[in-house]
C-alpha atoms as a PDB file:
ATOM      1  CA  MET A   1     -16.652  17.704  -4.916  1.00  0.00           C
ATOM      2  CA  SER A   2     -18.530  14.989  -6.807  1.00  0.00           C
ATOM      3  CA  ILE A   3     -19.003  14.330 -10.516  1.00  0.00           C
ATOM      4  CA  GLU A   4     -22.341  12.994 -11.740  1.00  0.00           C
ATOM      5  CA  VAL A   5     -22.741  11.546 -15.223  1.00  0.00           C
ATOM      6  CA  HIS A   6     -26.339  11.193 -16.385  1.00  0.00           C
ATOM      7  CA  GLY A   7     -27.226   9.252 -19.540  1.00  0.00           C
ATOM      8  CA  VAL A   8     -24.153  10.410 -21.440  1.00  0.00           C
ATOM      9  CA  SER A   9     -23.594   9.325 -25.026  1.00  0.00           C
ATOM     10  CA  VAL A  10     -20.863  10.471 -27.385  1.00  0.00           C
ATOM     11  CA  VAL A  11     -21.399   9.857 -31.095  1.00  0.00           C
ATOM     12  CA  ILE A  12     -18.545  10.553 -33.522  1.00  0.00           C
ATOM     13  CA  GLU A  13     -18.994  10.038 -37.268  1.00  0.00           C
ATOM     14  CA  GLY A  14     -22.093   7.976 -36.626  1.00  0.00           C
ATOM     15  CA  ARG A  15     -20.417   5.665 -34.113  1.00  0.00           C
ATOM     16  CA  ALA A  16     -21.423   5.615 -30.442  1.00  0.00           C
ATOM     17  CA  ILE A  17     -18.168   5.882 -28.483  1.00  0.00           C
ATOM     18  CA  LEU A  18     -20.116   6.208 -25.228  1.00  0.00           C
ATOM     19  CA  ASP A  19     -23.630   4.823 -24.980  1.00  0.00           C
ATOM     20  CA  ASP A  20     -25.968   5.975 -22.180  1.00  0.00           C
ATOM     21  CA  VAL A  21     -23.358   6.060 -19.408  1.00  0.00           C
ATOM     22  CA  THR A  22     -24.516   6.933 -15.890  1.00  0.00           C
ATOM     23  CA  LEU A  23     -22.261   7.009 -12.831  1.00  0.00           C
ATOM     24  CA  THR A  24     -21.369   9.094  -9.790  1.00  0.00           C
ATOM     25  CA  LEU A  25     -17.828   9.755  -8.587  1.00  0.00           C
ATOM     26  CA  VAL A  26     -17.381  10.972  -5.030  1.00  0.00           C
ATOM     27  CA  PRO A  27     -14.467  12.175  -2.897  1.00  0.00           C
ATOM     28  CA  GLY A  28     -12.756   9.469  -0.879  1.00  0.00           C
ATOM     29  CA  GLU A  29     -12.718   6.764  -3.569  1.00  0.00           C
ATOM     30  CA  LEU A  30     -10.056   5.715  -6.026  1.00  0.00           C
ATOM     31  CA  VAL A  31     -12.042   4.617  -9.072  1.00  0.00           C
ATOM     32  CA  VAL A  32     -10.217   2.670 -11.784  1.00  0.00           C
ATOM     33  CA  VAL A  33     -11.742   2.361 -15.252  1.00  0.00           C
ATOM     34  CA  VAL A  34     -10.724  -0.722 -17.242  1.00  0.00           C
ATOM     35  CA  GLY A  35     -11.799  -2.331 -20.494  1.00  0.00           C
ATOM     36  CA  PRO A  36     -10.528  -3.435 -23.896  1.00  0.00           C
ATOM     37  CA  ASN A  37      -9.205  -1.113 -26.579  1.00  0.00           C
ATOM     38  CA  GLY A  38     -11.973   1.049 -28.004  1.00  0.00           C
ATOM     39  CA  ALA A  39     -14.284   0.541 -25.017  1.00  0.00           C
ATOM     40  CA  GLY A  40     -14.576   4.313 -24.463  1.00  0.00           C
ATOM     41  CA  LYS A  41     -12.318   4.741 -21.425  1.00  0.00           C
ATOM     42  CA  SER A  42     -10.359   7.791 -22.611  1.00  0.00           C
ATOM     43  CA  THR A  43     -13.514   9.318 -24.070  1.00  0.00           C
ATOM     44  CA  LEU A  44     -15.212   8.963 -20.699  1.00  0.00           C
ATOM     45  CA  LEU A  45     -12.259  10.676 -19.039  1.00  0.00           C
ATOM     46  CA  GLY A  46     -12.501  13.521 -21.567  1.00  0.00           C
ATOM     47  CA  VAL A  47     -16.183  13.948 -20.723  1.00  0.00           C
ATOM     48  CA  LEU A  48     -15.439  13.916 -16.982  1.00  0.00           C
ATOM     49  CA  ALA A  49     -12.760  16.568 -17.527  1.00  0.00           C
ATOM     50  CA  GLY A  50     -15.132  18.848 -19.419  1.00  0.00           C
ATOM     51  CA  ASP A  51     -12.871  18.673 -22.468  1.00  0.00           C
ATOM     52  CA  LEU A  52     -15.431  16.773 -24.547  1.00  0.00           C
ATOM     53  CA  GLU A  53     -19.092  17.729 -24.650  1.00  0.00           C
ATOM     54  CA  PRO A  54     -21.445  14.733 -24.820  1.00  0.00           C
ATOM     55  CA  THR A  55     -23.853  14.296 -27.696  1.00  0.00           C
ATOM     56  CA  THR A  56     -26.643  13.577 -25.212  1.00  0.00           C
ATOM     57  CA  GLY A  57     -26.860  13.557 -21.420  1.00  0.00           C
ATOM     58  CA  GLN A  58     -25.050  15.812 -18.995  1.00  0.00           C
ATOM     59  CA  VAL A  59     -22.186  15.942 -16.523  1.00  0.00           C
ATOM     60  CA  LEU A  60     -22.617  17.751 -13.211  1.00  0.00           C
ATOM     61  CA  LEU A  61     -19.620  19.037 -11.279  1.00  0.00           C
ATOM     62  CA  GLY A  62     -20.543  19.841  -7.704  1.00  0.00           C
ATOM     63  CA  GLY A  63     -24.195  19.754  -8.758  1.00  0.00           C
ATOM     64  CA  ALA A  64     -23.845  22.250 -11.635  1.00  0.00           C
ATOM     65  CA  PRO A  65     -23.441  21.525 -15.370  1.00  0.00           C
ATOM     66  CA  ILE A  66     -19.760  21.218 -16.220  1.00  0.00           C
ATOM     67  CA  VAL A  67     -20.370  22.923 -19.580  1.00  0.00           C
ATOM     68  CA  ASP A  68     -21.155  26.146 -17.693  1.00  0.00           C
ATOM     69  CA  ARG A  69     -17.732  26.249 -16.026  1.00  0.00           C
ATOM     70  CA  LYS A  70     -15.233  28.825 -17.251  1.00  0.00           C
ATOM     71  CA  PRO A  71     -11.864  27.287 -18.215  1.00  0.00           C
ATOM     72  CA  LEU A  72     -10.015  28.924 -15.319  1.00  0.00           C
ATOM     73  CA  ALA A  73     -12.582  27.762 -12.773  1.00  0.00           C
ATOM     74  CA  LEU A  74     -12.402  24.255 -14.217  1.00  0.00           C
ATOM     75  CA  ALA A  75      -8.602  24.248 -13.997  1.00  0.00           C
ATOM     76  CA  ARG A  76      -8.881  25.049 -10.294  1.00  0.00           C
ATOM     77  CA  GLU A  77     -11.265  22.152  -9.736  1.00  0.00           C
ATOM     78  CA  ARG A  78      -9.843  19.284 -11.776  1.00  0.00           C
ATOM     79  CA  ALA A  79      -6.440  18.226 -13.070  1.00  0.00           C
ATOM     80  CA  VAL A  80      -5.881  15.835 -15.974  1.00  0.00           C
ATOM     81  CA  GLN A  81      -2.947  13.655 -16.983  1.00  0.00           C
ATOM     82  CA  THR A  82      -3.374  12.481 -20.574  1.00  0.00           C
ATOM     83  CA  GLN A  83      -1.721   9.451 -22.166  1.00  0.00           C
ATOM     84  CA  GLU A  84       0.690  11.525 -24.241  1.00  0.00           C
ATOM     85  CA  GLN A  85       3.440  13.544 -22.540  1.00  0.00           C
ATOM     86  CA  HIS A  86       4.469  15.932 -25.318  1.00  0.00           C
ATOM     87  CA  LEU A  87       5.913  19.447 -25.066  1.00  0.00           C
ATOM     88  CA  ALA A  88       7.076  21.465 -28.063  1.00  0.00           C
ATOM     89  CA  PHE A  89       9.887  23.237 -26.210  1.00  0.00           C
ATOM     90  CA  GLY A  90      12.737  22.104 -23.990  1.00  0.00           C
ATOM     91  CA  PHE A  91      11.361  23.203 -20.633  1.00  0.00           C
ATOM     92  CA  ARG A  92      13.175  22.027 -17.528  1.00  0.00           C
ATOM     93  CA  VAL A  93      11.425  19.342 -15.498  1.00  0.00           C
ATOM     94  CA  ILE A  94      10.861  21.676 -12.555  1.00  0.00           C
ATOM     95  CA  ASP A  95       9.235  24.206 -14.897  1.00  0.00           C
ATOM     96  CA  VAL A  96       6.916  21.553 -16.330  1.00  0.00           C
ATOM     97  CA  VAL A  97       5.771  20.633 -12.824  1.00  0.00           C
ATOM     98  CA  ARG A  98       5.362  24.332 -11.991  1.00  0.00           C
ATOM     99  CA  MET A  99       2.929  24.639 -14.924  1.00  0.00           C
ATOM    100  CA  GLY A 100       0.448  22.851 -12.689  1.00  0.00           C
ATOM    101  CA  ARG A 101       0.329  25.947 -10.495  1.00  0.00           C
ATOM    102  CA  THR A 102      -0.717  28.272 -13.351  1.00  0.00           C
ATOM    103  CA  PRO A 103      -4.454  28.315 -12.444  1.00  0.00           C
ATOM    104  CA  TRP A 104      -3.616  29.764  -9.035  1.00  0.00           C
ATOM    105  CA  ALA A 105      -1.686  32.797 -10.298  1.00  0.00           C
ATOM    106  CA  GLY A 106      -2.898  35.980  -8.628  1.00  0.00           C
ATOM    107  CA  THR A 107      -4.693  34.140  -5.802  1.00  0.00           C
ATOM    108  CA  ASP A 108      -3.749  33.476  -2.178  1.00  0.00           C
ATOM    109  CA  ALA A 109      -2.943  29.889  -3.205  1.00  0.00           C
ATOM    110  CA  GLU A 110       0.000  31.236  -5.214  1.00  0.00           C
ATOM    111  CA  ASP A 111       1.893  31.433  -1.921  1.00  0.00           C
ATOM    112  CA  ARG A 112       2.003  27.622  -1.945  1.00  0.00           C
ATOM    113  CA  ASP A 113       3.635  27.345  -5.379  1.00  0.00           C
ATOM    114  CA  ASP A 114       7.157  26.467  -4.283  1.00  0.00           C
ATOM    115  CA  GLN A 115       6.044  24.033  -1.594  1.00  0.00           C
ATOM    116  CA  ALA A 116       3.452  22.327  -3.801  1.00  0.00           C
ATOM    117  CA  VAL A 117       5.985  21.842  -6.601  1.00  0.00           C
ATOM    118  CA  ALA A 118       8.657  20.501  -4.240  1.00  0.00           C
ATOM    119  CA  GLU A 119       6.228  18.056  -2.617  1.00  0.00           C
ATOM    120  CA  ALA A 120       4.920  16.801  -5.959  1.00  0.00           C
ATOM    121  CA  ILE A 121       8.442  16.246  -7.281  1.00  0.00           C
ATOM    122  CA  ALA A 122       9.500  14.377  -4.133  1.00  0.00           C
ATOM    123  CA  ARG A 123       6.499  12.039  -4.212  1.00  0.00           C
ATOM    124  CA  VAL A 124       7.604  10.514  -7.522  1.00  0.00           C
ATOM    125  CA  ASP A 125      11.343  10.772  -6.907  1.00  0.00           C
ATOM    126  CA  ILE A 126      12.320  13.111  -9.752  1.00  0.00           C
ATOM    127  CA  GLU A 127      14.344  15.700  -7.812  1.00  0.00           C
ATOM    128  CA  ARG A 128      17.513  14.712  -9.658  1.00  0.00           C
ATOM    129  CA  PHE A 129      15.827  15.583 -12.968  1.00  0.00           C
ATOM    130  CA  ASN A 130      14.834  19.130 -11.965  1.00  0.00           C
ATOM    131  CA  ASP A 131      17.211  20.836 -14.384  1.00  0.00           C
ATOM    132  CA  ARG A 132      16.921  18.272 -17.174  1.00  0.00           C
ATOM    133  CA  SER A 133      15.222  19.247 -20.426  1.00  0.00           C
ATOM    134  CA  PHE A 134      11.853  17.473 -20.581  1.00  0.00           C
ATOM    135  CA  PRO A 135      12.344  16.064 -24.136  1.00  0.00           C
ATOM    136  CA  THR A 136      15.524  14.266 -22.998  1.00  0.00           C
ATOM    137  CA  LEU A 137      13.672  12.166 -20.422  1.00  0.00           C
ATOM    138  CA  SER A 138      12.687   8.542 -20.904  1.00  0.00           C
ATOM    139  CA  GLY A 139       9.010   7.677 -21.312  1.00  0.00           C
ATOM    140  CA  GLY A 140       8.715   6.674 -17.673  1.00  0.00           C
ATOM    141  CA  GLU A 141      10.471   9.808 -16.454  1.00  0.00           C
ATOM    142  CA  LYS A 142       8.110  11.927 -18.551  1.00  0.00           C
ATOM    143  CA  ALA A 143       5.120  10.090 -17.078  1.00  0.00           C
ATOM    144  CA  ARG A 144       6.328  10.721 -13.533  1.00  0.00           C
ATOM    145  CA  THR A 145       6.881  14.394 -14.383  1.00  0.00           C
ATOM    146  CA  GLY A 146       3.355  14.597 -15.797  1.00  0.00           C
ATOM    147  CA  PHE A 147       1.947  13.037 -12.646  1.00  0.00           C
ATOM    148  CA  ALA A 148       3.892  15.515 -10.513  1.00  0.00           C
ATOM    149  CA  ARG A 149       2.463  18.406 -12.557  1.00  0.00           C
ATOM    150  CA  VAL A 150      -1.069  17.135 -11.961  1.00  0.00           C
ATOM    151  CA  THR A 151      -0.619  16.684  -8.219  1.00  0.00           C
ATOM    152  CA  ALA A 152       1.078  20.085  -7.894  1.00  0.00           C
ATOM    153  CA  GLN A 153      -2.115  21.610  -9.302  1.00  0.00           C
ATOM    154  CA  GLU A 154      -3.872  20.662  -6.039  1.00  0.00           C
ATOM    155  CA  THR A 155      -7.411  20.241  -7.340  1.00  0.00           C
ATOM    156  CA  GLN A 156     -10.316  18.397  -5.739  1.00  0.00           C
ATOM    157  CA  ILE A 157     -10.692  16.120  -8.771  1.00  0.00           C
ATOM    158  CA  VAL A 158      -7.801  14.205 -10.351  1.00  0.00           C
ATOM    159  CA  LEU A 159      -8.191  12.361 -13.672  1.00  0.00           C
ATOM    160  CA  LEU A 160      -5.365  10.101 -14.856  1.00  0.00           C
ATOM    161  CA  ASP A 161      -5.284   8.350 -18.237  1.00  0.00           C
ATOM    162  CA  GLU A 162      -2.848   5.414 -18.212  1.00  0.00           C
ATOM    163  CA  PRO A 163      -0.400   7.074 -15.792  1.00  0.00           C
ATOM    164  CA  THR A 164       1.516   3.812 -15.239  1.00  0.00           C
ATOM    165  CA  ALA A 165       1.828   2.576 -18.840  1.00  0.00           C
ATOM    166  CA  ALA A 166       5.500   3.572 -19.184  1.00  0.00           C
ATOM    167  CA  LEU A 167       6.521   2.852 -15.590  1.00  0.00           C
ATOM    168  CA  ASP A 168       8.426  -0.021 -14.020  1.00  0.00           C
ATOM    169  CA  ILE A 169       6.947  -2.029 -11.143  1.00  0.00           C
ATOM    170  CA  LYS A 170       8.289   0.237  -8.403  1.00  0.00           C
ATOM    171  CA  TYR A 171       6.857   3.422  -9.846  1.00  0.00           C
ATOM    172  CA  GLN A 172       3.601   1.836 -10.991  1.00  0.00           C
ATOM    173  CA  HIS A 173       2.799   1.115  -7.372  1.00  0.00           C
ATOM    174  CA  ARG A 174       4.269   4.385  -6.122  1.00  0.00           C
ATOM    175  CA  VAL A 175       2.062   6.446  -8.433  1.00  0.00           C
ATOM    176  CA  LEU A 176      -1.059   4.453  -7.593  1.00  0.00           C
ATOM    177  CA  ARG A 177      -0.357   4.592  -3.863  1.00  0.00           C
ATOM    178  CA  GLU A 178      -0.167   8.361  -4.230  1.00  0.00           C
ATOM    179  CA  ALA A 179      -3.426   8.377  -6.202  1.00  0.00           C
ATOM    180  CA  ARG A 180      -5.029   6.331  -3.439  1.00  0.00           C
ATOM    181  CA  ARG A 181      -3.646   8.703  -0.787  1.00  0.00           C
ATOM    182  CA  LEU A 182      -5.203  11.635  -2.621  1.00  0.00           C
ATOM    183  CA  ALA A 183      -8.543   9.838  -2.766  1.00  0.00           C
ATOM    184  CA  HIS A 184      -8.481   8.950   0.902  1.00  0.00           C
ATOM    185  CA  THR A 185      -7.706  12.544   1.890  1.00  0.00           C
ATOM    186  CA  GLY A 186     -10.891  13.833   0.279  1.00  0.00           C
ATOM    187  CA  HIS A 187     -10.221  13.994  -3.456  1.00  0.00           C
ATOM    188  CA  ALA A 188     -12.201  12.303  -6.218  1.00  0.00           C
ATOM    189  CA  VAL A 189      -9.659  10.320  -8.251  1.00  0.00           C
ATOM    190  CA  VAL A 190     -10.303   8.428 -11.490  1.00  0.00           C
ATOM    191  CA  VAL A 191      -7.607   6.352 -13.190  1.00  0.00           C
ATOM    192  CA  VAL A 192      -7.758   4.560 -16.539  1.00  0.00           C
ATOM    193  CA  LEU A 193      -5.653   1.383 -16.553  1.00  0.00           C
ATOM    194  CA  HIS A 194      -5.120  -1.671 -18.733  1.00  0.00           C
ATOM    195  CA  ASP A 195      -3.367  -3.765 -16.072  1.00  0.00           C
ATOM    196  CA  LEU A 196      -6.234  -5.508 -14.280  1.00  0.00           C
ATOM    197  CA  THR A 197      -4.119  -6.931 -11.464  1.00  0.00           C
ATOM    198  CA  LEU A 198      -2.620  -3.507 -10.770  1.00  0.00           C
ATOM    199  CA  ALA A 199      -6.127  -2.055 -10.759  1.00  0.00           C
ATOM    200  CA  ALA A 200      -7.312  -4.699  -8.293  1.00  0.00           C
ATOM    201  CA  ALA A 201      -4.416  -3.980  -5.938  1.00  0.00           C
ATOM    202  CA  HIS A 202      -5.192  -0.274  -5.571  1.00  0.00           C
ATOM    203  CA  ALA A 203      -8.788   0.534  -6.550  1.00  0.00           C
ATOM    204  CA  ASP A 204     -11.635   1.103  -4.134  1.00  0.00           C
ATOM    205  CA  LYS A 205     -14.008   0.657  -7.055  1.00  0.00           C
ATOM    206  CA  ILE A 206     -13.538  -0.661 -10.573  1.00  0.00           C
ATOM    207  CA  CYS A 207     -15.686   0.261 -13.579  1.00  0.00           C
ATOM    208  CA  VAL A 208     -15.441  -2.262 -16.402  1.00  0.00           C
ATOM    209  CA  MET A 209     -16.284  -0.745 -19.791  1.00  0.00           C
ATOM    210  CA  ALA A 210     -17.261  -2.575 -22.959  1.00  0.00           C
ATOM    211  CA  THR A 211     -18.518  -1.133 -26.258  1.00  0.00           C
ATOM    212  CA  GLY A 212     -19.137   2.296 -24.769  1.00  0.00           C
ATOM    213  CA  ARG A 213     -21.105   1.086 -21.763  1.00  0.00           C
ATOM    214  CA  ILE A 214     -20.324   0.292 -18.145  1.00  0.00           C
ATOM    215  CA  ALA A 215     -20.548  -3.491 -17.961  1.00  0.00           C
ATOM    216  CA  ALA A 216     -19.966  -3.662 -14.206  1.00  0.00           C
ATOM    217  CA  SER A 217     -19.009  -1.418 -11.310  1.00  0.00           C
ATOM    218  CA  GLY A 218     -18.036  -2.218  -7.741  1.00  0.00           C
ATOM    219  CA  PRO A 219     -15.256  -3.510  -5.476  1.00  0.00           C
ATOM    220  CA  PRO A 220     -12.479  -5.369  -7.328  1.00  0.00           C
ATOM    221  CA  ALA A 221     -13.270  -8.768  -5.812  1.00  0.00           C
ATOM    222  CA  GLN A 222     -16.889  -8.526  -6.974  1.00  0.00           C
ATOM    223  CA  VAL A 223     -16.245  -7.106 -10.428  1.00  0.00           C
ATOM    224  CA  LEU A 224     -13.157  -8.970 -11.630  1.00  0.00           C
ATOM    225  CA  THR A 225     -14.603 -12.423 -12.199  1.00  0.00           C
ATOM    226  CA  SER A 226     -13.312 -14.910 -14.745  1.00  0.00           C
ATOM    227  CA  GLU A 227     -16.650 -15.139 -16.511  1.00  0.00           C
ATOM    228  CA  ARG A 228     -17.093 -11.381 -16.849  1.00  0.00           C
ATOM    229  CA  LEU A 229     -13.538 -10.674 -17.991  1.00  0.00           C
ATOM    230  CA  THR A 230     -13.578 -13.538 -20.477  1.00  0.00           C
ATOM    231  CA  ALA A 231     -16.752 -12.095 -21.999  1.00  0.00           C
ATOM    232  CA  VAL A 232     -15.606  -8.454 -21.995  1.00  0.00           C
ATOM    233  CA  TYR A 233     -12.131  -9.105 -23.424  1.00  0.00           C
ATOM    234  CA  ASP A 234     -13.191 -11.961 -25.721  1.00  0.00           C
ATOM    235  CA  HIS A 235     -10.282 -13.993 -24.397  1.00  0.00           C
ATOM    236  CA  PRO A 236     -10.259 -16.711 -21.719  1.00  0.00           C
ATOM    237  CA  VAL A 237      -9.077 -15.439 -18.354  1.00  0.00           C
ATOM    238  CA  ASP A 238      -8.459 -17.059 -14.985  1.00  0.00           C
ATOM    239  CA  VAL A 239      -8.663 -15.113 -11.728  1.00  0.00           C
ATOM    240  CA  LEU A 240      -6.633 -16.194  -8.716  1.00  0.00           C
ATOM    241  CA  VAL A 241      -6.875 -14.627  -5.277  1.00  0.00           C
ATOM    242  CA  HIS A 242      -3.535 -13.778  -3.680  1.00  0.00           C
ATOM    243  CA  ASN A 243      -3.673 -12.370  -0.147  1.00  0.00           C
ATOM    244  CA  GLY A 244      -7.237 -11.256  -0.770  1.00  0.00           C
ATOM    245  CA  VAL A 245      -6.478  -9.434  -4.035  1.00  0.00           C
ATOM    246  CA  PRO A 246      -7.644 -10.735  -7.448  1.00  0.00           C
ATOM    247  CA  VAL A 247      -4.813 -11.657  -9.802  1.00  0.00           C
ATOM    248  CA  VAL A 248      -5.895 -11.794 -13.444  1.00  0.00           C
ATOM    249  CA  ILE A 249      -4.116 -14.309 -15.684  1.00  0.00           C
ATOM    250  CA  PRO A 250      -4.965 -14.466 -19.410  1.00  0.00           C
ATOM    251  CA  ARG A 251      -4.687 -17.903 -20.965  1.00  0.00           C
ATOM    252  CA  HIS A 252      -1.889 -18.133 -23.513  1.00  0.00           C
ATOM    253  CA  ASP A 253      -3.516 -20.851 -25.601  1.00  0.00           C
ATOM    254  CA  GLU A 254      -6.977 -19.201 -25.831  1.00  0.00           C
ATOM    255  CA  SER A 255      -8.520 -22.480 -24.660  1.00  0.00           C
ATOM    256  CA  THR A 256     -12.256 -22.349 -24.261  1.00  0.00           C
ATOM    257  CA  GLY A 257     -12.599 -24.348 -21.057  1.00  0.00           C
ATOM    258  CA  LYS A 258     -14.459 -22.832 -18.136  1.00  0.00           C
ATOM    259  CA  PRO A 259     -12.345 -20.079 -16.513  1.00  0.00           C
ATOM    260  CA  ALA A 260     -11.238 -20.703 -12.957  1.00  0.00           C
ATOM    261  CA  ARG A 261     -11.232 -18.605  -9.808  1.00  0.00           C
ATOM    262  CA  THR A 262      -8.761 -20.029  -7.335  1.00  0.00           C
ATOM    263  CA  ASN A 263      -7.566 -19.004  -3.890  1.00  0.00           C
ATOM    264  CA  TRP A 264      -3.797 -18.652  -3.853  1.00  0.00           C
ATOM    265  CA  THR A 265      -2.024 -17.640  -0.682  1.00  0.00           C
ATOM    266  CA  SER A 266       1.586 -17.515   0.368  1.00  0.00           C
END
C-alpha cells in the first residue's frame, strides 16, 4: 500500500509548518526523513498518519483520500510510534505491546495475537521486562517497548518518529535493521531521525527537509553531500565515505572553509 502526498501545506497560527510538499512512499523502501529542528519532520509524519489534516493539498492512502478513512480502518493499515512514550497507568510491558493488537479484535487476525506479541517482543530483546510496570522502565526500554507495540500491530505502513533517540548503539542498529526488514518484506516504512550517519547506514532513500519543504530526496550517497548539509543545517559539515556509506561529521569550530567529501576505508 502506497502513500501519496500532493501539494500539502500545513499552516498553524499563520506560520507554514509544511509548504507545498509532494512525495510518494511505496512498499519495499525504508525512507528516512532528516532535517534541522523545526523543519516540519514530525508534522509531515502526522499528515502521513492521518492524524493531522493539511491546510491545503491531499494525502492518498492506497489511492483514496486518507481523510475518508474510518479510525478503525486506519489503525489496521498504519501504525505510528511517536516521540513521547507516556502512559498514565502502570501497565505491564507485555500488555503495552498487546495494545498494538487492539485493531484486530473480533477479526480472524485476532488468532495471531499471542504470536505477534511474542515475536515483536523478541525482536527488540525485551522478554525479561514482560512483567515490569511500563513507568519503571528507562527511556530506552520504553522506546523499545513502543517499537514492539507498533510492529505487533502488523500494518502495511509503519511510521516511526525518532525511534532511536533514547537507544544505545546496539539497539539503534537493531531497531533500524528491523525497520529495514519490514520495508524489504513489502511494507512502506518511514522513519524520522536526527542522526545523519545512522540514517545513511540504513535508509534506502533519504528526504532532507528544510523550512517545511523537501530540499532533496534520493539515495543516501547522492543526498548527503557536504554542501547541501552545510546549507540546510547552517553549520559546516564534512562527509566521509566509510565502506561505501556516508559518515557525516560536523565541524566543532564552525569554520567556514569549503566542506570536504573524503573516501575513508578500513
